[in-house]
Full PDB file with SEQRES, HELIX, SHEET, SSBOND, CRYST1, ORIGX, SCALE, CONECT and MASTER records, all heavy atoms in Angstrom:
SEQRES   1 A   31  PRO ALA ARG ALA ALA ALA LEU ILE ASP ILE ALA SER ILE          
SEQRES   2 A   31  ASP LYS ALA VAL GLY ALA PHE GLN ALA MET GLU GLY ARG          
SEQRES   3 A   31  ASN PRO LYS SER LEU                                          
HELIX    1 AA1 ALA A    2  GLU A   24  1                                  23    
CRYST1    1.000    1.000    1.000  90.00  90.00  90.00 P 1           1          
ORIGX1      1.000000  0.000000  0.000000        0.00000                         
ORIGX2      0.000000  1.000000  0.000000        0.00000                         
ORIGX3      0.000000  0.000000  1.000000        0.00000                         
SCALE1      1.000000  0.000000  0.000000        0.00000                         
SCALE2      0.000000  1.000000  0.000000        0.00000                         
SCALE3      0.000000  0.000000  1.000000        0.00000                         
ATOM      1  N   PRO A   1       0.813  -1.228   0.000  1.00  0.00           N  
ATOM      2  CA  PRO A   1       0.000   0.000   0.000  1.00  0.00           C  
ATOM      3  C   PRO A   1       0.845   1.275   0.000  1.00  0.00           C  
ATOM      4  O   PRO A   1       0.524   2.233  -0.700  1.00  0.00           O  
ATOM      5  CB  PRO A   1      -0.835  -0.117   1.282  1.00  0.00           C  
ATOM      6  CG  PRO A   1      -0.876  -1.578   1.579  1.00  0.00           C  
ATOM      7  CD  PRO A   1       0.425  -2.119   1.103  1.00  0.00           C  
ATOM      8  N   ALA A   2       1.925   1.290   0.772  1.00  0.00           N  
ATOM      9  CA  ALA A   2       2.782   2.484   0.815  1.00  0.00           C  
ATOM     10  C   ALA A   2       3.463   2.713  -0.529  1.00  0.00           C  
ATOM     11  O   ALA A   2       3.562   3.854  -0.996  1.00  0.00           O  
ATOM     12  CB  ALA A   2       3.825   2.343   1.921  1.00  0.00           C  
ATOM     13  N   ARG A   3       3.925   1.629  -1.159  1.00  0.00           N  
ATOM     14  CA  ARG A   3       4.574   1.779  -2.475  1.00  0.00           C  
ATOM     15  C   ARG A   3       3.572   2.250  -3.515  1.00  0.00           C  
ATOM     16  O   ARG A   3       3.887   3.090  -4.358  1.00  0.00           O  
ATOM     17  CB  ARG A   3       5.206   0.454  -2.909  1.00  0.00           C  
ATOM     18  CG  ARG A   3       6.455   0.106  -2.128  1.00  0.00           C  
ATOM     19  CD  ARG A   3       7.089  -1.116  -2.683  1.00  0.00           C  
ATOM     20  NE  ARG A   3       6.047  -2.132  -2.824  1.00  0.00           N  
ATOM     21  CZ  ARG A   3       6.247  -3.402  -2.999  1.00  0.00           C  
ATOM     22  NH1 ARG A   3       7.449  -3.851  -3.108  1.00  0.00           N  
ATOM     23  NH2 ARG A   3       5.251  -4.249  -3.097  1.00  0.00           N  
ATOM     24  N   ALA A   4       2.359   1.730  -3.466  1.00  0.00           N  
ATOM     25  CA  ALA A   4       1.335   2.148  -4.428  1.00  0.00           C  
ATOM     26  C   ALA A   4       0.980   3.620  -4.234  1.00  0.00           C  
ATOM     27  O   ALA A   4       0.844   4.365  -5.207  1.00  0.00           O  
ATOM     28  CB  ALA A   4       0.094   1.274  -4.276  1.00  0.00           C  
ATOM     29  N   ALA A   5       0.852   4.042  -2.988  1.00  0.00           N  
ATOM     30  CA  ALA A   5       0.541   5.448  -2.716  1.00  0.00           C  
ATOM     31  C   ALA A   5       1.659   6.359  -3.206  1.00  0.00           C  
ATOM     32  O   ALA A   5       1.392   7.431  -3.774  1.00  0.00           O  
ATOM     33  CB  ALA A   5       0.309   5.654  -1.223  1.00  0.00           C  
ATOM     34  N   ALA A   6       2.907   5.941  -3.015  1.00  0.00           N  
ATOM     35  CA  ALA A   6       4.033   6.752  -3.480  1.00  0.00           C  
ATOM     36  C   ALA A   6       4.025   6.866  -5.001  1.00  0.00           C  
ATOM     37  O   ALA A   6       4.282   7.945  -5.549  1.00  0.00           O  
ATOM     38  CB  ALA A   6       5.354   6.139  -3.003  1.00  0.00           C  
ATOM     39  N   LEU A   7       3.707   5.784  -5.703  1.00  0.00           N  
ATOM     40  CA  LEU A   7       3.646   5.834  -7.165  1.00  0.00           C  
ATOM     41  C   LEU A   7       2.525   6.749  -7.640  1.00  0.00           C  
ATOM     42  O   LEU A   7       2.689   7.495  -8.605  1.00  0.00           O  
ATOM     43  CB  LEU A   7       3.455   4.433  -7.738  1.00  0.00           C  
ATOM     44  CG  LEU A   7       4.659   3.513  -7.660  1.00  0.00           C  
ATOM     45  CD1 LEU A   7       4.293   2.113  -8.135  1.00  0.00           C  
ATOM     46  CD2 LEU A   7       5.808   4.060  -8.473  1.00  0.00           C  
ATOM     47  N   ILE A   8       1.392   6.716  -6.950  1.00  0.00           N  
ATOM     48  CA  ILE A   8       0.279   7.592  -7.317  1.00  0.00           C  
ATOM     49  C   ILE A   8       0.661   9.044  -7.079  1.00  0.00           C  
ATOM     50  O   ILE A   8       0.363   9.917  -7.893  1.00  0.00           O  
ATOM     51  CB  ILE A   8      -0.990   7.199  -6.535  1.00  0.00           C  
ATOM     52  CG1 ILE A   8      -1.504   5.859  -7.048  1.00  0.00           C  
ATOM     53  CG2 ILE A   8      -2.071   8.267  -6.654  1.00  0.00           C  
ATOM     54  CD1 ILE A   8      -2.592   5.240  -6.215  1.00  0.00           C  
ATOM     55  N   ASP A   9       1.339   9.314  -5.961  1.00  0.00           N  
ATOM     56  CA  ASP A   9       1.769  10.680  -5.667  1.00  0.00           C  
ATOM     57  C   ASP A   9       2.746  11.189  -6.718  1.00  0.00           C  
ATOM     58  O   ASP A   9       2.644  12.334  -7.169  1.00  0.00           O  
ATOM     59  CB  ASP A   9       2.403  10.753  -4.277  1.00  0.00           C  
ATOM     60  CG  ASP A   9       1.384  10.548  -3.169  1.00  0.00           C  
ATOM     61  OD1 ASP A   9       0.172  10.707  -3.437  1.00  0.00           O  
ATOM     62  OD2 ASP A   9       1.795  10.231  -2.042  1.00  0.00           O  
ATOM     63  N   ILE A  10       3.682  10.355  -7.134  1.00  0.00           N  
ATOM     64  CA  ILE A  10       4.647  10.764  -8.162  1.00  0.00           C  
ATOM     65  C   ILE A  10       3.925  11.007  -9.484  1.00  0.00           C  
ATOM     66  O   ILE A  10       4.237  11.951 -10.209  1.00  0.00           O  
ATOM     67  CB  ILE A  10       5.772   9.724  -8.303  1.00  0.00           C  
ATOM     68  CG1 ILE A  10       6.660   9.780  -7.055  1.00  0.00           C  
ATOM     69  CG2 ILE A  10       6.596   9.960  -9.552  1.00  0.00           C  
ATOM     70  CD1 ILE A  10       7.725   8.730  -7.002  1.00  0.00           C  
ATOM     71  N   ALA A  11       2.934  10.179  -9.776  1.00  0.00           N  
ATOM     72  CA  ALA A  11       2.168  10.372 -11.017  1.00  0.00           C  
ATOM     73  C   ALA A  11       1.414  11.700 -10.984  1.00  0.00           C  
ATOM     74  O   ALA A  11       1.349  12.406 -12.007  1.00  0.00           O  
ATOM     75  CB  ALA A  11       1.199   9.213 -11.227  1.00  0.00           C  
ATOM     76  N   SER A  12       0.877  12.084  -9.821  1.00  0.00           N  
ATOM     77  CA  SER A  12       0.157  13.362  -9.740  1.00  0.00           C  
ATOM     78  C   SER A  12       1.132  14.528  -9.890  1.00  0.00           C  
ATOM     79  O   SER A  12       0.795  15.543 -10.507  1.00  0.00           O  
ATOM     80  CB  SER A  12      -0.627  13.465  -8.438  1.00  0.00           C  
ATOM     81  OG  SER A  12       0.246  13.551  -7.328  1.00  0.00           O  
ATOM     82  N   ILE A  13       2.343  14.386  -9.361  1.00  0.00           N  
ATOM     83  CA  ILE A  13       3.350  15.449  -9.528  1.00  0.00           C  
ATOM     84  C   ILE A  13       3.765  15.536 -10.994  1.00  0.00           C  
ATOM     85  O   ILE A  13       3.887  16.635 -11.546  1.00  0.00           O  
ATOM     86  CB  ILE A  13       4.556  15.208  -8.611  1.00  0.00           C  
ATOM     87  CG1 ILE A  13       4.150  15.308  -7.140  1.00  0.00           C  
ATOM     88  CG2 ILE A  13       5.674  16.206  -8.919  1.00  0.00           C  
ATOM     89  CD1 ILE A  13       5.231  14.890  -6.169  1.00  0.00           C  
ATOM     90  N   ASP A  14       3.967  14.376 -11.636  1.00  0.00           N  
ATOM     91  CA  ASP A  14       4.322  14.373 -13.065  1.00  0.00           C  
ATOM     92  C   ASP A  14       3.240  15.054 -13.896  1.00  0.00           C  
ATOM     93  O   ASP A  14       3.529  15.812 -14.822  1.00  0.00           O  
ATOM     94  CB  ASP A  14       4.522  12.944 -13.572  1.00  0.00           C  
ATOM     95  CG  ASP A  14       5.863  12.357 -13.191  1.00  0.00           C  
ATOM     96  OD1 ASP A  14       6.806  13.132 -12.920  1.00  0.00           O  
ATOM     97  OD2 ASP A  14       5.976  11.117 -13.167  1.00  0.00           O  
ATOM     98  N   LYS A  15       1.993  14.793 -13.559  1.00  0.00           N  
ATOM     99  CA  LYS A  15       0.877  15.418 -14.274  1.00  0.00           C  
ATOM    100  C   LYS A  15       0.890  16.933 -14.075  1.00  0.00           C  
ATOM    101  O   LYS A  15       0.674  17.697 -15.025  1.00  0.00           O  
ATOM    102  CB  LYS A  15      -0.443  14.819 -13.792  1.00  0.00           C  
ATOM    103  CG  LYS A  15      -1.639  15.300 -14.545  1.00  0.00           C  
ATOM    104  CD  LYS A  15      -2.895  14.604 -14.044  1.00  0.00           C  
ATOM    105  CE  LYS A  15      -4.118  15.132 -14.756  1.00  0.00           C  
ATOM    106  NZ  LYS A  15      -5.344  14.515 -14.270  1.00  0.00           N  
ATOM    107  N   ALA A  16       1.162  17.375 -12.846  1.00  0.00           N  
ATOM    108  CA  ALA A  16       1.223  18.808 -12.559  1.00  0.00           C  
ATOM    109  C   ALA A  16       2.394  19.461 -13.295  1.00  0.00           C  
ATOM    110  O   ALA A  16       2.267  20.574 -13.811  1.00  0.00           O  
ATOM    111  CB  ALA A  16       1.334  19.045 -11.054  1.00  0.00           C  
ATOM    112  N   VAL A  17       3.537  18.777 -13.366  1.00  0.00           N  
ATOM    113  CA  VAL A  17       4.691  19.303 -14.110  1.00  0.00           C  
ATOM    114  C   VAL A  17       4.324  19.448 -15.582  1.00  0.00           C  
ATOM    115  O   VAL A  17       4.641  20.456 -16.222  1.00  0.00           O  
ATOM    116  CB  VAL A  17       5.940  18.404 -13.932  1.00  0.00           C  
ATOM    117  CG1 VAL A  17       7.044  18.785 -14.901  1.00  0.00           C  
ATOM    118  CG2 VAL A  17       6.453  18.491 -12.502  1.00  0.00           C  
ATOM    119  N   GLY A  18       3.635  18.452 -16.135  1.00  0.00           N  
ATOM    120  CA  GLY A  18       3.215  18.520 -17.538  1.00  0.00           C  
ATOM    121  C   GLY A  18       2.238  19.662 -17.785  1.00  0.00           C  
ATOM    122  O   GLY A  18       2.338  20.364 -18.799  1.00  0.00           O  
ATOM    123  N   ALA A  19       1.303  19.869 -16.854  1.00  0.00           N  
ATOM    124  CA  ALA A  19       0.353  20.972 -16.998  1.00  0.00           C  
ATOM    125  C   ALA A  19       1.070  22.314 -16.902  1.00  0.00           C  
ATOM    126  O   ALA A  19       0.787  23.241 -17.667  1.00  0.00           O  
ATOM    127  CB  ALA A  19      -0.727  20.869 -15.931  1.00  0.00           C  
ATOM    128  N   PHE A  20       2.015  22.411 -15.975  1.00  0.00           N  
ATOM    129  CA  PHE A  20       2.794  23.642 -15.821  1.00  0.00           C  
ATOM    130  C   PHE A  20       3.563  23.938 -17.102  1.00  0.00           C  
ATOM    131  O   PHE A  20       3.555  25.065 -17.604  1.00  0.00           O  
ATOM    132  CB  PHE A  20       3.765  23.506 -14.638  1.00  0.00           C  
ATOM    133  CG  PHE A  20       4.528  24.756 -14.309  1.00  0.00           C  
ATOM    134  CD1 PHE A  20       4.110  25.580 -13.289  1.00  0.00           C  
ATOM    135  CD2 PHE A  20       5.670  25.117 -15.012  1.00  0.00           C  
ATOM    136  CE1 PHE A  20       4.813  26.735 -12.971  1.00  0.00           C  
ATOM    137  CE2 PHE A  20       6.370  26.262 -14.719  1.00  0.00           C  
ATOM    138  CZ  PHE A  20       5.934  27.082 -13.692  1.00  0.00           C  
ATOM    139  N   GLN A  21       4.212  22.911 -17.632  1.00  0.00           N  
ATOM    140  CA  GLN A  21       5.010  23.088 -18.855  1.00  0.00           C  
ATOM    141  C   GLN A  21       4.115  23.507 -20.015  1.00  0.00           C  
ATOM    142  O   GLN A  21       4.486  24.377 -20.801  1.00  0.00           O  
ATOM    143  CB  GLN A  21       5.751  21.788 -19.171  1.00  0.00           C  
ATOM    144  CG  GLN A  21       6.982  21.950 -20.038  1.00  0.00           C  
ATOM    145  CD  GLN A  21       6.654  22.124 -21.510  1.00  0.00           C  
ATOM    146  OE1 GLN A  21       5.650  21.635 -22.007  1.00  0.00           O  
ATOM    147  NE2 GLN A  21       7.505  22.846 -22.204  1.00  0.00           N  
ATOM    148  N   ALA A  22       2.930  22.929 -20.107  1.00  0.00           N  
ATOM    149  CA  ALA A  22       2.022  23.280 -21.201  1.00  0.00           C  
ATOM    150  C   ALA A  22       1.518  24.713 -21.074  1.00  0.00           C  
ATOM    151  O   ALA A  22       1.396  25.423 -22.084  1.00  0.00           O  
ATOM    152  CB  ALA A  22       0.844  22.308 -21.219  1.00  0.00           C  
ATOM    153  N   MET A  23       1.236  25.153 -19.855  1.00  0.00           N  
ATOM    154  CA  MET A  23       0.683  26.491 -19.655  1.00  0.00           C  
ATOM    155  C   MET A  23       1.766  27.578 -19.627  1.00  0.00           C  
ATOM    156  O   MET A  23       1.562  28.662 -20.156  1.00  0.00           O  
ATOM    157  CB  MET A  23      -0.116  26.542 -18.347  1.00  0.00           C  
ATOM    158  CG  MET A  23      -1.349  25.663 -18.362  1.00  0.00           C  
ATOM    159  SD  MET A  23      -2.541  26.127 -19.625  1.00  0.00           S  
ATOM    160  CE  MET A  23      -3.134  27.656 -18.985  1.00  0.00           C  
ATOM    161  N   GLU A  24       2.891  27.294 -19.015  1.00  0.00           N  
ATOM    162  CA  GLU A  24       3.919  28.321 -18.824  1.00  0.00           C  
ATOM    163  C   GLU A  24       5.015  28.263 -19.887  1.00  0.00           C  
ATOM    164  O   GLU A  24       5.818  29.187 -19.992  1.00  0.00           O  
ATOM    165  CB  GLU A  24       4.549  28.188 -17.428  1.00  0.00           C  
ATOM    166  CG  GLU A  24       3.551  28.170 -16.281  1.00  0.00           C  
ATOM    167  CD  GLU A  24       2.788  29.470 -16.122  1.00  0.00           C  
ATOM    168  OE1 GLU A  24       3.341  30.536 -16.440  1.00  0.00           O  
ATOM    169  OE2 GLU A  24       1.618  29.409 -15.689  1.00  0.00           O  
ATOM    170  N   GLY A  25       5.099  27.161 -20.618  1.00  0.00           N  
ATOM    171  CA  GLY A  25       6.115  27.029 -21.658  1.00  0.00           C  
ATOM    172  C   GLY A  25       7.496  26.674 -21.136  1.00  0.00           C  
ATOM    173  O   GLY A  25       8.485  26.784 -21.854  1.00  0.00           O  
ATOM    174  N   ARG A  26       7.570  26.244 -19.881  1.00  0.00           N  
ATOM    175  CA  ARG A  26       8.845  25.841 -19.279  1.00  0.00           C  
ATOM    176  C   ARG A  26       8.551  24.891 -18.128  1.00  0.00           C  
ATOM    177  O   ARG A  26       7.414  24.781 -17.677  1.00  0.00           O  
ATOM    178  CB  ARG A  26       9.606  27.054 -18.751  1.00  0.00           C  
ATOM    179  CG  ARG A  26       8.877  27.795 -17.636  1.00  0.00           C  
ATOM    180  CD  ARG A  26       9.693  28.943 -17.060  1.00  0.00           C  
ATOM    181  NE  ARG A  26       8.935  29.667 -16.045  1.00  0.00           N  
ATOM    182  CZ  ARG A  26       8.858  29.336 -14.760  1.00  0.00           C  
ATOM    183  NH1 ARG A  26       9.500  28.270 -14.319  1.00  0.00           N  
ATOM    184  NH2 ARG A  26       8.158  30.057 -13.917  1.00  0.00           N  
ATOM    185  N   ASN A  27       9.587  24.220 -17.674  1.00  0.00           N  
ATOM    186  CA  ASN A  27       9.437  23.376 -16.495  1.00  0.00           C  
ATOM    187  C   ASN A  27       9.510  24.245 -15.243  1.00  0.00           C  
ATOM    188  O   ASN A  27      10.188  25.277 -15.239  1.00  0.00           O  
ATOM    189  CB  ASN A  27      10.539  22.316 -16.438  1.00  0.00           C  
ATOM    190  CG  ASN A  27      10.337  21.227 -17.462  1.00  0.00           C  
ATOM    191  OD1 ASN A  27       9.216  20.923 -17.842  1.00  0.00           O  
ATOM    192  ND2 ASN A  27      11.424  20.640 -17.919  1.00  0.00           N  
ATOM    193  N   PRO A  28       8.834  23.842 -14.177  1.00  0.00           N  
ATOM    194  CA  PRO A  28       8.945  24.617 -12.944  1.00  0.00           C  
ATOM    195  C   PRO A  28      10.368  24.563 -12.400  1.00  0.00           C  
ATOM    196  O   PRO A  28      11.090  23.586 -12.597  1.00  0.00           O  
ATOM    197  CB  PRO A  28       7.959  23.936 -11.982  1.00  0.00           C  
ATOM    198  CG  PRO A  28       7.628  22.632 -12.588  1.00  0.00           C  
ATOM    199  CD  PRO A  28       7.924  22.702 -14.039  1.00  0.00           C  
ATOM    200  N   LYS A  29      10.774  25.633 -11.726  1.00  0.00           N  
ATOM    201  CA  LYS A  29      12.120  25.688 -11.158  1.00  0.00           C  
ATOM    202  C   LYS A  29      12.253  24.755  -9.968  1.00  0.00           C  
ATOM    203  O   LYS A  29      13.338  24.255  -9.686  1.00  0.00           O  
ATOM    204  CB  LYS A  29      12.450  27.124 -10.747  1.00  0.00           C  
ATOM    205  CG  LYS A  29      12.515  28.068 -11.921  1.00  0.00           C  
ATOM    206  CD  LYS A  29      12.695  29.488 -11.470  1.00  0.00           C  
ATOM    207  CE  LYS A  29      12.618  30.408 -12.693  1.00  0.00           C  
ATOM    208  NZ  LYS A  29      12.409  31.797 -12.311  1.00  0.00           N  
ATOM    209  N   SER A  30      11.163  24.532  -9.275  1.00  0.00           N  
ATOM    210  CA  SER A  30      11.160  23.628  -8.122  1.00  0.00           C  
ATOM    211  C   SER A  30       9.752  23.065  -7.954  1.00  0.00           C  
ATOM    212  O   SER A  30       8.792  23.564  -8.550  1.00  0.00           O  
ATOM    213  CB  SER A  30      11.576  24.370  -6.854  1.00  0.00           C  
ATOM    214  OG  SER A  30      10.583  25.312  -6.502  1.00  0.00           O  
ATOM    215  N   LEU A  31       9.644  22.055  -7.108  1.00  0.00           N  
ATOM    216  CA  LEU A  31       8.326  21.487  -6.841  1.00  0.00           C  
ATOM    217  C   LEU A  31       7.464  22.465  -6.048  1.00  0.00           C  
ATOM    218  O   LEU A  31       6.242  22.470  -6.185  1.00  0.00           O  
ATOM    219  CB  LEU A  31       8.471  20.156  -6.091  1.00  0.00           C  
ATOM    220  CG  LEU A  31       9.140  19.034  -6.873  1.00  0.00           C  
ATOM    221  CD1 LEU A  31       9.286  17.791  -6.005  1.00  0.00           C  
ATOM    222  CD2 LEU A  31       8.390  18.714  -8.140  1.00  0.00           C  
TER     223      LEU A  31                                                      
MASTER        0    0    0    1    0    0    0    6  222    1    0    3          
END                                                                             
């Protein structure tokens, strides 16, 4: 369960990074 939750959390961060890159035209400087 802990490993699955960590993978889901990383996937949500990856999705947010992708949305940021699409909207801002660059990767975020930090999380």
